[in-house]
Amino acid sequence: MTDFPFGMNDYSVDVQAQHNVTFTPGWDVHRLALTFEVTARGNYTVDAPFLVSGSLWVHDMPNPASYIGPLHAPTGPVALKPYKNQITLETTVTDRQLRGLEKTRAGADLSLRAALTLTALAEAKHWPVARSDEIIRIPHATWSNALIQLDAGAFVDVLIPLTTVETRATAARRIREAKAAIRDQRYEHAVALARAALDPVRETCNSRKLHDQAMKKRAGDRDQDERWAVLTQSAYALFSGAPHDDTGTTEHFTWTRADAIAAVATAAGLLARLEDLPQ
């Protein structure tokens, strides 16, 4: 919550960002709407009109290109009330900005900074302008689902159930560590963790034996368990290139963010599938 004082402690206006996000699609540029809660305190005049404006910035992320755009209130001034009031501020974002935001946040929650200016339109006793910053923290799932409105991305969250099986619990922890590694741009480490997370999958599903059995058949003749085993073992073999530097082969492997995301998502999906299998 950000406090905007007016006068010598006569009254103040509190502005608090909400977590909801709305996109309106356009041609390569889109309207982003953010909601704020406005509360007046002290000796203020009910229904006194205020104009809210400002600019939107990326907050707390390692990227010098942090400016997003100006903020304005499409419905005009907000009136001070003896109860909490809501106001919507809008800006525009381009497809290029959205790609930059997605790359920068790397699957984490999105932090934005609204540099706000409140202007009292009927203030006579005091200087009518106050400025301050409000930090907006948007959960990963909320932002990802909002992007779907634009057909700009797809969001799938894989829930790995809690388990008392130690190997599976360890694998779930490795998936969490791998997601953190992606945010820290340690992509090779994330792939290595995804490989380690496949250990209980390979053991429970007897993947190695079924894979070797499947390799003796034509692809179209393999049963479902054999095809799952081929997928699991192929993923394990690919991800093994991260922790190993074998001469002439894996020593030349490189891993991008997209590679790491694909590896972690694959391992997480195969691990979550164990919920329907005997422990």
C-alpha atoms as a PDB file:
ATOM      1  CA  MET A   1       0.000   0.000   0.000  1.00  0.00           C
ATOM      2  CA  THR A   2       1.235   3.492  -0.899  1.00  0.00           C
ATOM      3  CA  ASP A   3       0.299   6.582   1.105  1.00  0.00           C
ATOM      4  CA  PHE A   4      -0.145   9.986  -0.561  1.00  0.00           C
ATOM      5  CA  PRO A   5      -0.212  12.781   2.069  1.00  0.00           C
ATOM      6  CA  PHE A   6      -1.854  16.160   1.372  1.00  0.00           C
ATOM      7  CA  GLY A   7      -1.179  19.137   3.631  1.00  0.00           C
ATOM      8  CA  MET A   8       0.283  18.984   7.132  1.00  0.00           C
ATOM      9  CA  ASN A   9      -1.311  15.648   8.094  1.00  0.00           C
ATOM     10  CA  ASP A  10      -4.742  16.984   7.092  1.00  0.00           C
ATOM     11  CA  TYR A  11      -5.607  13.900   5.056  1.00  0.00           C
ATOM     12  CA  SER A  12      -4.059  11.190   2.933  1.00  0.00           C
ATOM     13  CA  VAL A  13      -5.056   8.869   0.145  1.00  0.00           C
ATOM     14  CA  ASP A  14      -3.938   5.229   0.247  1.00  0.00           C
ATOM     15  CA  VAL A  15      -3.559   3.305  -3.011  1.00  0.00           C
ATOM     16  CA  GLN A  16      -3.115  -0.481  -2.980  1.00  0.00           C
ATOM     17  CA  ALA A  17      -2.542  -2.603  -6.066  1.00  0.00           C
ATOM     18  CA  GLN A  18      -4.708  -5.680  -6.608  1.00  0.00           C
ATOM     19  CA  HIS A  19      -3.515  -8.915  -8.204  1.00  0.00           C
ATOM     20  CA  ASN A  20      -6.014  -9.103 -11.054  1.00  0.00           C
ATOM     21  CA  VAL A  21      -4.854  -8.389 -14.600  1.00  0.00           C
ATOM     22  CA  THR A  22      -6.906  -7.905 -17.766  1.00  0.00           C
ATOM     23  CA  PHE A  23      -5.722  -7.747 -21.368  1.00  0.00           C
ATOM     24  CA  THR A  24      -7.671  -6.399 -24.334  1.00  0.00           C
ATOM     25  CA  PRO A  25      -6.090  -7.689 -27.568  1.00  0.00           C
ATOM     26  CA  GLY A  26      -5.109  -5.436 -30.441  1.00  0.00           C
ATOM     27  CA  TRP A  27      -2.937  -5.498 -33.572  1.00  0.00           C
ATOM     28  CA  ASP A  28       0.532  -6.263 -32.146  1.00  0.00           C
ATOM     29  CA  VAL A  29      -0.192  -3.862 -29.264  1.00  0.00           C
ATOM     30  CA  HIS A  30      -2.551  -4.607 -26.394  1.00  0.00           C
ATOM     31  CA  ARG A  31      -4.272  -2.805 -23.551  1.00  0.00           C
ATOM     32  CA  LEU A  32      -3.231  -3.863 -20.052  1.00  0.00           C
ATOM     33  CA  ALA A  33      -5.620  -2.951 -17.232  1.00  0.00           C
ATOM     34  CA  LEU A  34      -4.567  -2.987 -13.560  1.00  0.00           C
ATOM     35  CA  THR A  35      -6.875  -2.484 -10.592  1.00  0.00           C
ATOM     36  CA  PHE A  36      -6.098  -0.397  -7.496  1.00  0.00           C
ATOM     37  CA  GLU A  37      -7.994   0.078  -4.242  1.00  0.00           C
ATOM     38  CA  VAL A  38      -8.290   3.715  -3.074  1.00  0.00           C
ATOM     39  CA  THR A  39      -8.919   4.662   0.553  1.00  0.00           C
ATOM     40  CA  ALA A  40      -9.125   8.223   1.958  1.00  0.00           C
ATOM     41  CA  ARG A  41      -8.113   8.948   5.567  1.00  0.00           C
ATOM     42  CA  GLY A  42      -8.253  12.036   7.763  1.00  0.00           C
ATOM     43  CA  ASN A  43      -9.968  15.366   7.180  1.00  0.00           C
ATOM     44  CA  TYR A  44     -10.914  14.945   3.522  1.00  0.00           C
ATOM     45  CA  THR A  45     -13.954  16.063   1.570  1.00  0.00           C
ATOM     46  CA  VAL A  46     -16.287  13.271   0.489  1.00  0.00           C
ATOM     47  CA  ASP A  47     -16.608  13.050  -3.309  1.00  0.00           C
ATOM     48  CA  ALA A  48     -13.591  15.331  -3.811  1.00  0.00           C
ATOM     49  CA  PRO A  49     -12.309  14.475  -7.317  1.00  0.00           C
ATOM     50  CA  PHE A  50      -8.770  13.188  -7.861  1.00  0.00           C
ATOM     51  CA  LEU A  51      -6.967  12.406 -11.077  1.00  0.00           C
ATOM     52  CA  VAL A  52      -4.639   9.385 -10.969  1.00  0.00           C
ATOM     53  CA  SER A  53      -1.899   9.002 -13.573  1.00  0.00           C
ATOM     54  CA  GLY A  54       1.646   7.715 -13.792  1.00  0.00           C
ATOM     55  CA  SER A  55       3.948   5.259 -15.524  1.00  0.00           C
ATOM     56  CA  LEU A  56       4.522   1.523 -15.317  1.00  0.00           C
ATOM     57  CA  TRP A  57       7.931  -0.103 -14.863  1.00  0.00           C
ATOM     58  CA  VAL A  58       9.382  -3.557 -14.383  1.00  0.00           C
ATOM     59  CA  HIS A  59      10.466  -3.929 -10.759  1.00  0.00           C
ATOM     60  CA  ASP A  60      13.298  -5.932  -9.222  1.00  0.00           C
ATOM     61  CA  MET A  61      14.415  -7.729 -12.374  1.00  0.00           C
ATOM     62  CA  PRO A  62      17.882  -7.764 -13.948  1.00  0.00           C
ATOM     63  CA  ASN A  63      17.017  -5.904 -17.128  1.00  0.00           C
ATOM     64  CA  PRO A  64      17.844  -2.278 -18.002  1.00  0.00           C
ATOM     65  CA  ALA A  65      14.818  -2.016 -20.314  1.00  0.00           C
ATOM     66  CA  SER A  66      12.410  -1.562 -17.417  1.00  0.00           C
ATOM     67  CA  TYR A  67      10.003   1.096 -18.734  1.00  0.00           C
ATOM     68  CA  ILE A  68       6.678  -0.272 -19.988  1.00  0.00           C
ATOM     69  CA  GLY A  69       4.450   2.741 -20.643  1.00  0.00           C
ATOM     70  CA  PRO A  70       2.268   5.567 -19.252  1.00  0.00           C
ATOM     71  CA  LEU A  71      -0.672   4.836 -16.959  1.00  0.00           C
ATOM     72  CA  HIS A  72      -4.001   6.627 -17.248  1.00  0.00           C
ATOM     73  CA  ALA A  73      -7.507   6.256 -15.847  1.00  0.00           C
ATOM     74  CA  PRO A  74      -9.916   5.656 -18.753  1.00  0.00           C
ATOM     75  CA  THR A  75     -12.946   6.563 -16.633  1.00  0.00           C
ATOM     76  CA  GLY A  76     -11.532   9.913 -15.527  1.00  0.00           C
ATOM     77  CA  PRO A  77     -11.122  11.187 -11.945  1.00  0.00           C
ATOM     78  CA  VAL A  78     -11.881   9.103  -8.870  1.00  0.00           C
ATOM     79  CA  ALA A  79     -14.028  10.530  -6.063  1.00  0.00           C
ATOM     80  CA  LEU A  80     -12.903  10.110  -2.455  1.00  0.00           C
ATOM     81  CA  LYS A  81     -15.339   7.990  -0.462  1.00  0.00           C
ATOM     82  CA  PRO A  82     -15.754   7.011   3.203  1.00  0.00           C
ATOM     83  CA  TYR A  83     -15.186   3.433   2.057  1.00  0.00           C
ATOM     84  CA  LYS A  84     -12.739   1.610  -0.180  1.00  0.00           C
ATOM     85  CA  ASN A  85     -13.088   2.538  -3.819  1.00  0.00           C
ATOM     86  CA  GLN A  86     -11.584   0.921  -6.906  1.00  0.00           C
ATOM     87  CA  ILE A  87      -9.951   2.484  -9.915  1.00  0.00           C
ATOM     88  CA  THR A  88      -8.595   0.915 -13.084  1.00  0.00           C
ATOM     89  CA  LEU A  89      -5.407   2.210 -14.691  1.00  0.00           C
ATOM     90  CA  GLU A  90      -4.432   1.217 -18.197  1.00  0.00           C
ATOM     91  CA  THR A  91      -1.346   1.170 -20.379  1.00  0.00           C
ATOM     92  CA  THR A  92      -0.396  -0.427 -23.687  1.00  0.00           C
ATOM     93  CA  VAL A  93       2.097  -3.244 -24.197  1.00  0.00           C
ATOM     94  CA  THR A  94       3.514  -4.586 -27.432  1.00  0.00           C
ATOM     95  CA  ASP A  95       4.142  -8.195 -28.360  1.00  0.00           C
ATOM     96  CA  ARG A  96       7.873  -7.477 -28.113  1.00  0.00           C
ATOM     97  CA  GLN A  97       7.459  -6.153 -24.570  1.00  0.00           C
ATOM     98  CA  LEU A  98       5.481  -9.250 -23.585  1.00  0.00           C
ATOM     99  CA  ARG A  99       8.219 -11.509 -24.945  1.00  0.00           C
ATOM    100  CA  GLY A 100      10.789  -9.528 -22.966  1.00  0.00           C
ATOM    101  CA  LEU A 101       8.738  -9.757 -19.772  1.00  0.00           C
ATOM    102  CA  GLU A 102       8.319 -13.505 -20.166  1.00  0.00           C
ATOM    103  CA  LYS A 103      12.023 -14.019 -20.751  1.00  0.00           C
ATOM    104  CA  THR A 104      12.960 -11.808 -17.824  1.00  0.00           C
ATOM    105  CA  ARG A 105      10.587 -13.240 -15.236  1.00  0.00           C
ATOM    106  CA  ALA A 106      11.525 -16.808 -16.284  1.00  0.00           C
ATOM    107  CA  GLY A 107       8.480 -18.448 -14.724  1.00  0.00           C
ATOM    108  CA  ALA A 108       8.562 -16.446 -11.495  1.00  0.00           C
ATOM    109  CA  ASP A 109       5.921 -14.045 -10.199  1.00  0.00           C
ATOM    110  CA  LEU A 110       5.921 -10.725 -12.045  1.00  0.00           C
ATOM    111  CA  SER A 111       6.823  -7.574 -10.109  1.00  0.00           C
ATOM    112  CA  LEU A 112       5.846  -4.204 -11.571  1.00  0.00           C
ATOM    113  CA  ARG A 113       6.237  -0.679 -10.217  1.00  0.00           C
ATOM    114  CA  ALA A 114       3.571   1.957 -10.746  1.00  0.00           C
ATOM    115  CA  ALA A 115       5.040   5.466 -10.377  1.00  0.00           C
ATOM    116  CA  LEU A 116       1.809   7.267  -9.514  1.00  0.00           C
ATOM    117  CA  THR A 117       0.766  10.900  -9.370  1.00  0.00           C
ATOM    118  CA  LEU A 118      -2.405  11.936  -7.536  1.00  0.00           C
ATOM    119  CA  THR A 119      -3.779  15.368  -8.411  1.00  0.00           C
ATOM    120  CA  ALA A 120      -6.575  16.885  -6.357  1.00  0.00           C
ATOM    121  CA  LEU A 121      -8.881  18.708  -8.755  1.00  0.00           C
ATOM    122  CA  ALA A 122     -10.743  20.668  -6.060  1.00  0.00           C
ATOM    123  CA  GLU A 123      -7.899  21.322  -3.570  1.00  0.00           C
ATOM    124  CA  ALA A 124      -7.539  24.947  -2.518  1.00  0.00           C
ATOM    125  CA  LYS A 125      -5.650  24.917   0.802  1.00  0.00           C
ATOM    126  CA  HIS A 126      -2.620  22.776  -0.073  1.00  0.00           C
ATOM    127  CA  TRP A 127      -0.411  21.877  -2.994  1.00  0.00           C
ATOM    128  CA  PRO A 128      -2.698  19.510  -4.940  1.00  0.00           C
ATOM    129  CA  VAL A 129      -0.126  17.000  -6.213  1.00  0.00           C
ATOM    130  CA  ALA A 130       1.439  14.002  -4.459  1.00  0.00           C
ATOM    131  CA  ARG A 131       3.691  11.320  -5.939  1.00  0.00           C
ATOM    132  CA  SER A 132       4.795   7.874  -4.823  1.00  0.00           C
ATOM    133  CA  ASP A 133       5.448   4.336  -6.070  1.00  0.00           C
ATOM    134  CA  GLU A 134       3.255   1.275  -5.622  1.00  0.00           C
ATOM    135  CA  ILE A 135       4.711  -2.206  -6.170  1.00  0.00           C
ATOM    136  CA  ILE A 136       2.441  -4.660  -7.985  1.00  0.00           C
ATOM    137  CA  ARG A 137       3.170  -8.346  -7.461  1.00  0.00           C
ATOM    138  CA  ILE A 138       1.301 -10.560  -9.897  1.00  0.00           C
ATOM    139  CA  PRO A 139       1.381 -14.316  -9.238  1.00  0.00           C
ATOM    140  CA  HIS A 140       2.819 -16.497 -11.977  1.00  0.00           C
ATOM    141  CA  ALA A 141      -0.478 -18.305 -12.587  1.00  0.00           C
ATOM    142  CA  THR A 142      -2.477 -15.060 -12.761  1.00  0.00           C
ATOM    143  CA  TRP A 143      -0.135 -13.489 -15.315  1.00  0.00           C
ATOM    144  CA  SER A 144       0.162 -16.675 -17.383  1.00  0.00           C
ATOM    145  CA  ASN A 145      -3.602 -17.102 -17.558  1.00  0.00           C
ATOM    146  CA  ALA A 146      -3.965 -13.459 -18.605  1.00  0.00           C
ATOM    147  CA  LEU A 147      -1.591 -14.048 -21.525  1.00  0.00           C
ATOM    148  CA  ILE A 148      -3.865 -16.813 -22.748  1.00  0.00           C
ATOM    149  CA  GLN A 149      -6.489 -14.117 -23.373  1.00  0.00           C
ATOM    150  CA  LEU A 150      -4.180 -12.785 -26.089  1.00  0.00           C
ATOM    151  CA  ASP A 151      -3.371 -16.174 -27.576  1.00  0.00           C
ATOM    152  CA  ALA A 152       0.175 -15.078 -26.730  1.00  0.00           C
ATOM    153  CA  GLY A 153       1.050 -18.182 -24.790  1.00  0.00           C
ATOM    154  CA  ALA A 154      -0.201 -21.321 -23.144  1.00  0.00           C
ATOM    155  CA  PHE A 155       0.073 -22.105 -19.461  1.00  0.00           C
ATOM    156  CA  VAL A 156       0.154 -25.555 -17.906  1.00  0.00           C
ATOM    157  CA  ASP A 157       1.016 -26.070 -14.256  1.00  0.00           C
ATOM    158  CA  VAL A 158       2.000 -29.605 -13.295  1.00  0.00           C
ATOM    159  CA  LEU A 159       1.024 -30.493  -9.729  1.00  0.00           C
ATOM    160  CA  ILE A 160       3.197 -33.226  -8.267  1.00  0.00           C
ATOM    161  CA  PRO A 161       1.188 -34.772  -5.412  1.00  0.00           C
ATOM    162  CA  LEU A 162       2.585 -35.032  -1.895  1.00  0.00           C
ATOM    163  CA  THR A 163       3.900 -38.501  -1.202  1.00  0.00           C
ATOM    164  CA  THR A 164       5.450 -40.536   1.589  1.00  0.00           C
ATOM    165  CA  VAL A 165       7.661 -42.389  -0.898  1.00  0.00           C
ATOM    166  CA  GLU A 166      11.099 -40.932  -0.261  1.00  0.00           C
ATOM    167  CA  THR A 167      12.426 -41.237  -3.809  1.00  0.00           C
ATOM    168  CA  ARG A 168       9.370 -39.474  -5.254  1.00  0.00           C
ATOM    169  CA  ALA A 169       9.489 -36.726  -2.631  1.00  0.00           C
ATOM    170  CA  THR A 170      13.169 -36.192  -3.475  1.00  0.00           C
ATOM    171  CA  ALA A 171      12.315 -36.007  -7.178  1.00  0.00           C
ATOM    172  CA  ALA A 172       9.597 -33.417  -6.490  1.00  0.00           C
ATOM    173  CA  ARG A 173      12.133 -31.312  -4.591  1.00  0.00           C
ATOM    174  CA  ARG A 174      14.485 -31.532  -7.558  1.00  0.00           C
ATOM    175  CA  ILE A 175      11.750 -30.218  -9.843  1.00  0.00           C
ATOM    176  CA  ARG A 176      11.300 -27.212  -7.525  1.00  0.00           C
ATOM    177  CA  GLU A 177      15.061 -26.668  -7.501  1.00  0.00           C
ATOM    178  CA  ALA A 178      15.136 -26.939 -11.297  1.00  0.00           C
ATOM    179  CA  LYS A 179      12.482 -24.204 -11.629  1.00  0.00           C
ATOM    180  CA  ALA A 180      14.588 -21.983  -9.372  1.00  0.00           C
ATOM    181  CA  ALA A 181      17.653 -22.759 -11.489  1.00  0.00           C
ATOM    182  CA  ILE A 182      15.813 -21.604 -14.611  1.00  0.00           C
ATOM    183  CA  ARG A 183      14.947 -18.313 -12.901  1.00  0.00           C
ATOM    184  CA  ASP A 184      18.651 -17.941 -12.044  1.00  0.00           C
ATOM    185  CA  GLN A 185      19.566 -18.668 -15.688  1.00  0.00           C
ATOM    186  CA  ARG A 186      21.420 -21.880 -14.736  1.00  0.00           C
ATOM    187  CA  TYR A 187      19.918 -23.864 -17.550  1.00  0.00           C
ATOM    188  CA  GLU A 188      22.372 -26.775 -17.645  1.00  0.00           C
ATOM    189  CA  HIS A 189      21.881 -27.339 -13.916  1.00  0.00           C
ATOM    190  CA  ALA A 190      18.109 -27.307 -14.381  1.00  0.00           C
ATOM    191  CA  VAL A 191      18.366 -30.043 -17.041  1.00  0.00           C
ATOM    192  CA  ALA A 192      20.626 -32.095 -14.761  1.00  0.00           C
ATOM    193  CA  LEU A 193      18.041 -31.841 -11.982  1.00  0.00           C
ATOM    194  CA  ALA A 194      15.297 -32.885 -14.404  1.00  0.00           C
ATOM    195  CA  ARG A 195      17.349 -35.974 -15.256  1.00  0.00           C
ATOM    196  CA  ALA A 196      17.709 -36.842 -11.572  1.00  0.00           C
ATOM    197  CA  ALA A 197      13.951 -36.396 -11.066  1.00  0.00           C
ATOM    198  CA  LEU A 198      13.332 -39.214 -13.566  1.00  0.00           C
ATOM    199  CA  ASP A 199      14.962 -41.843 -11.319  1.00  0.00           C
ATOM    200  CA  PRO A 200      11.760 -42.928  -9.501  1.00  0.00           C
ATOM    201  CA  VAL A 201       9.870 -42.935 -12.821  1.00  0.00           C
ATOM    202  CA  ARG A 202      12.368 -45.302 -14.385  1.00  0.00           C
ATOM    203  CA  GLU A 203      12.361 -47.538 -11.314  1.00  0.00           C
ATOM    204  CA  THR A 204       8.587 -47.678 -10.808  1.00  0.00           C
ATOM    205  CA  CYS A 205       7.771 -48.198 -14.471  1.00  0.00           C
ATOM    206  CA  ASN A 206      10.645 -50.597 -15.156  1.00  0.00           C
ATOM    207  CA  SER A 207      11.466 -48.281 -18.037  1.00  0.00           C
ATOM    208  CA  ARG A 208      14.885 -49.647 -18.947  1.00  0.00           C
ATOM    209  CA  LYS A 209      13.678 -53.243 -19.421  1.00  0.00           C
ATOM    210  CA  LEU A 210      10.559 -52.175 -21.320  1.00  0.00           C
ATOM    211  CA  HIS A 211      12.635 -49.819 -23.490  1.00  0.00           C
ATOM    212  CA  ASP A 212      15.045 -52.587 -24.481  1.00  0.00           C
ATOM    213  CA  GLN A 213      12.076 -54.838 -25.186  1.00  0.00           C
ATOM    214  CA  ALA A 214      10.435 -52.135 -27.320  1.00  0.00           C
ATOM    215  CA  MET A 215      13.560 -51.575 -29.385  1.00  0.00           C
ATOM    216  CA  LYS A 216      13.197 -55.102 -30.769  1.00  0.00           C
ATOM    217  CA  LYS A 217       9.832 -54.213 -32.282  1.00  0.00           C
ATOM    218  CA  ARG A 218       8.660 -51.912 -35.025  1.00  0.00           C
ATOM    219  CA  ALA A 219       7.430 -48.598 -33.551  1.00  0.00           C
ATOM    220  CA  GLY A 220       3.853 -49.333 -34.606  1.00  0.00           C
ATOM    221  CA  ASP A 221       3.859 -52.712 -32.852  1.00  0.00           C
ATOM    222  CA  ARG A 222       4.785 -51.414 -29.383  1.00  0.00           C
ATOM    223  CA  ASP A 223       2.180 -51.435 -26.621  1.00  0.00           C
ATOM    224  CA  GLN A 224       1.368 -48.394 -24.469  1.00  0.00           C
ATOM    225  CA  ASP A 225       3.728 -49.240 -21.600  1.00  0.00           C
ATOM    226  CA  GLU A 226       6.563 -49.752 -24.055  1.00  0.00           C
ATOM    227  CA  ARG A 227       5.902 -46.369 -25.671  1.00  0.00           C
ATOM    228  CA  TRP A 228       5.945 -44.655 -22.268  1.00  0.00           C
ATOM    229  CA  ALA A 229       9.238 -46.407 -21.560  1.00  0.00           C
ATOM    230  CA  VAL A 230      10.734 -45.192 -24.838  1.00  0.00           C
ATOM    231  CA  LEU A 231       9.731 -41.631 -23.984  1.00  0.00           C
ATOM    232  CA  THR A 232      11.157 -41.883 -20.457  1.00  0.00           C
ATOM    233  CA  GLN A 233      14.452 -43.455 -21.494  1.00  0.00           C
ATOM    234  CA  SER A 234      14.883 -41.066 -24.425  1.00  0.00           C
ATOM    235  CA  ALA A 235      14.344 -38.088 -22.122  1.00  0.00           C
ATOM    236  CA  TYR A 236      16.780 -39.532 -19.584  1.00  0.00           C
ATOM    237  CA  ALA A 237      19.411 -40.084 -22.278  1.00  0.00           C
ATOM    238  CA  LEU A 238      18.989 -36.547 -23.612  1.00  0.00           C
ATOM    239  CA  PHE A 239      19.082 -34.906 -20.182  1.00  0.00           C
ATOM    240  CA  SER A 240      22.173 -36.942 -19.266  1.00  0.00           C
ATOM    241  CA  GLY A 241      24.117 -34.630 -21.532  1.00  0.00           C
ATOM    242  CA  ALA A 242      23.868 -31.898 -18.895  1.00  0.00           C
ATOM    243  CA  PRO A 243      25.867 -33.464 -16.037  1.00  0.00           C
ATOM    244  CA  HIS A 244      28.309 -35.314 -18.320  1.00  0.00           C
ATOM    245  CA  ASP A 245      31.095 -34.028 -20.572  1.00  0.00           C
ATOM    246  CA  ASP A 246      31.855 -37.065 -22.706  1.00  0.00           C
ATOM    247  CA  THR A 247      34.566 -36.447 -25.284  1.00  0.00           C
ATOM    248  CA  GLY A 248      33.207 -35.846 -28.742  1.00  0.00           C
ATOM    249  CA  THR A 249      29.536 -35.925 -27.752  1.00  0.00           C
ATOM    250  CA  THR A 250      27.995 -34.369 -24.633  1.00  0.00           C
ATOM    251  CA  GLU A 251      30.940 -32.012 -24.109  1.00  0.00           C
ATOM    252  CA  HIS A 252      29.499 -29.994 -26.995  1.00  0.00           C
ATOM    253  CA  PHE A 253      25.920 -29.867 -25.666  1.00  0.00           C
ATOM    254  CA  THR A 254      24.508 -26.409 -24.938  1.00  0.00           C
ATOM    255  CA  TRP A 255      21.262 -25.667 -23.089  1.00  0.00           C
ATOM    256  CA  THR A 256      18.957 -22.713 -23.614  1.00  0.00           C
ATOM    257  CA  ARG A 257      16.113 -21.525 -21.399  1.00  0.00           C
ATOM    258  CA  ALA A 258      13.617 -23.176 -23.753  1.00  0.00           C
ATOM    259  CA  ASP A 259      15.576 -26.443 -23.500  1.00  0.00           C
ATOM    260  CA  ALA A 260      15.532 -26.281 -19.701  1.00  0.00           C
ATOM    261  CA  ILE A 261      11.797 -25.548 -19.590  1.00  0.00           C
ATOM    262  CA  ALA A 262      11.075 -28.478 -21.897  1.00  0.00           C
ATOM    263  CA  ALA A 263      13.245 -30.788 -19.782  1.00  0.00           C
ATOM    264  CA  VAL A 264      11.685 -29.783 -16.471  1.00  0.00           C
ATOM    265  CA  ALA A 265       8.149 -29.911 -17.856  1.00  0.00           C
ATOM    266  CA  THR A 266       8.753 -33.403 -19.282  1.00  0.00           C
ATOM    267  CA  ALA A 267      10.223 -34.722 -16.029  1.00  0.00           C
ATOM    268  CA  ALA A 268       7.463 -33.117 -13.959  1.00  0.00           C
ATOM    269  CA  GLY A 269       4.734 -34.617 -16.136  1.00  0.00           C
ATOM    270  CA  LEU A 270       6.213 -38.102 -15.988  1.00  0.00           C
ATOM    271  CA  LEU A 271       6.679 -37.803 -12.231  1.00  0.00           C
ATOM    272  CA  ALA A 272       3.087 -36.614 -11.683  1.00  0.00           C
ATOM    273  CA  ARG A 273       1.876 -39.609 -13.697  1.00  0.00           C
ATOM    274  CA  LEU A 274       3.134 -41.909 -10.920  1.00  0.00           C
ATOM    275  CA  GLU A 275       0.174 -40.871  -8.755  1.00  0.00           C
ATOM    276  CA  ASP A 276      -2.007 -43.321 -10.675  1.00  0.00           C
ATOM    277  CA  LEU A 277       0.519 -46.156 -10.344  1.00  0.00           C
ATOM    278  CA  PRO A 278       1.165 -48.437  -7.346  1.00  0.00           C
ATOM    279  CA  GLN A 279       3.703 -47.175  -4.817  1.00  0.00           C
END
